[in-house]
Structure formats: C-alpha cells, structure tokens
Protein backbone atom coordinates (compact mmCIF):
# COMPACT_ATOMS: atom_id res chain seq x y z
CA MET A 1 0.21 -0.11 0.00
CA GLN A 2 1.15 3.45 -0.79
CA ALA A 3 1.40 6.22 1.47
CA THR A 4 0.32 9.35 1.26
CA GLN A 5 2.56 13.03 2.05
CA ASN A 6 1.53 12.33 5.94
CA ASN A 7 2.14 9.28 5.80
CA GLN A 8 -1.85 7.87 6.16
CA PRO A 9 -2.38 4.74 3.49
CA ALA A 10 -3.61 5.79 0.27
CA ASN A 11 -6.60 3.79 0.63
CA ASP A 12 -8.64 1.57 3.15
CA PHE A 13 -8.72 -1.38 1.97
CA PRO A 14 -7.67 -4.37 4.01
CA SER A 15 -4.12 -4.55 3.74
CA GLY A 16 -4.46 -8.58 2.56
CA ILE A 17 -5.63 -7.46 -1.06
CA SER A 18 -3.59 -8.29 -4.13
CA LYS A 19 -1.74 -6.00 -5.36
CA PRO A 20 -3.65 -6.23 -8.90
CA ALA A 21 -6.89 -5.88 -7.11
CA GLU A 22 -5.36 -2.95 -5.76
CA ARG A 23 -4.64 -1.47 -9.05
CA ALA A 24 -7.53 -2.31 -11.19
CA LEU A 25 -9.47 -0.59 -7.78
CA ALA A 26 -6.94 2.71 -7.92
CA ASN A 27 -7.35 2.61 -12.14
CA ALA A 28 -11.03 2.80 -11.39
CA GLY A 29 -11.19 5.26 -9.19
CA TYR A 30 -11.69 3.78 -5.88
CA VAL A 31 -9.52 4.76 -3.40
CA ARG A 32 -11.74 4.47 -0.32
CA LEU A 33 -13.73 1.61 1.24
CA ASP A 34 -16.73 3.11 1.11
CA GLN A 35 -16.80 4.02 -2.13
CA LEU A 36 -17.38 0.64 -3.06
CA THR A 37 -21.09 0.98 -1.76
CA GLN A 38 -21.50 2.76 -4.99
CA VAL A 39 -20.83 -0.27 -7.67
CA SER A 40 -22.04 -3.87 -7.59
CA ALA A 41 -19.94 -7.09 -6.79
CA ALA A 42 -20.68 -7.96 -10.72
CA GLU A 43 -19.08 -4.72 -12.12
CA LEU A 44 -15.92 -5.20 -9.70
CA LEU A 45 -15.28 -8.75 -10.98
CA LYS A 46 -14.77 -6.80 -15.03
CA LEU A 47 -12.07 -4.95 -13.74
CA HIS A 48 -8.44 -6.19 -15.25
CA GLY A 49 -6.88 -7.67 -11.59
CA MET A 50 -10.25 -8.07 -9.70
CA GLY A 51 -11.00 -12.20 -8.62
CA PRO A 52 -12.91 -13.77 -6.55
CA LYS A 53 -10.64 -14.18 -2.87
CA ALA A 54 -10.12 -9.97 -3.75
CA LEU A 55 -13.87 -9.26 -3.89
CA GLY A 56 -14.44 -11.59 -0.99
CA GLN A 57 -11.72 -9.66 1.05
CA LEU A 58 -13.28 -6.27 0.38
CA ARG A 59 -17.12 -7.93 1.04
CA GLU A 60 -15.49 -8.72 4.93
CA ALA A 61 -14.01 -5.44 4.77
CA LEU A 62 -17.78 -3.71 4.08
CA GLN A 63 -19.40 -5.83 6.24
CA ALA A 64 -16.56 -5.32 8.98
CA LYS A 65 -17.86 -1.74 9.06
CA GLY A 66 -21.62 -2.42 8.15
CA LEU A 67 -21.59 -1.55 4.53
CA ALA A 68 -22.05 -3.71 1.50
CA PHE A 69 -21.68 -3.40 -2.14
CA ALA A 70 -24.55 -1.81 -4.18
CA GLY A 71 -27.54 -4.03 -4.89
CA GLU A 72 -26.50 -6.53 -1.29
CA GLN A 73 -27.76 -5.87 2.44
CA ALA A 74 -24.99 -5.15 4.77
CA GLU A 75 -25.24 -7.90 7.91
C-alpha cells in the first residue's frame, strides 16, 4: 500500500488484498472502501486484476463497517 505525504495509507482497503486487485480499484477511481457501496460486486469482477478472493476480502471489510456492495444488504 502506498502512503500519502502525511504517512497515511493511500486507501483503506484490507491489507491482504492483492496488488493487481489494488491497482484495478485505483485505476477505476476507487480509493476508499465506502466508495464500493456505489458499485456492484459483478461490476468489480469485470475489472482486470480483480478476482473472487479479493472480492471476498472487500466484502468482509465492508461488512465489518456495516456496509455492502450496491444491490447487497449489509449484515
């Protein structure tokens, strides 16, 4: 994960997410976990570098914050 000038992470995605998935999200303009509530899991899977494992990690991180992908219910 890259750091910004003030040593804060460039994003708040799970630390175990793969670099290709992290790049896919960044290239699509997603830099914060809460932004993923505006997009469906199916749309994210279309991104080059995003796979089922990364999607599951993101889903778990969203659920931990009481959030969910668009079209899904937060648990």
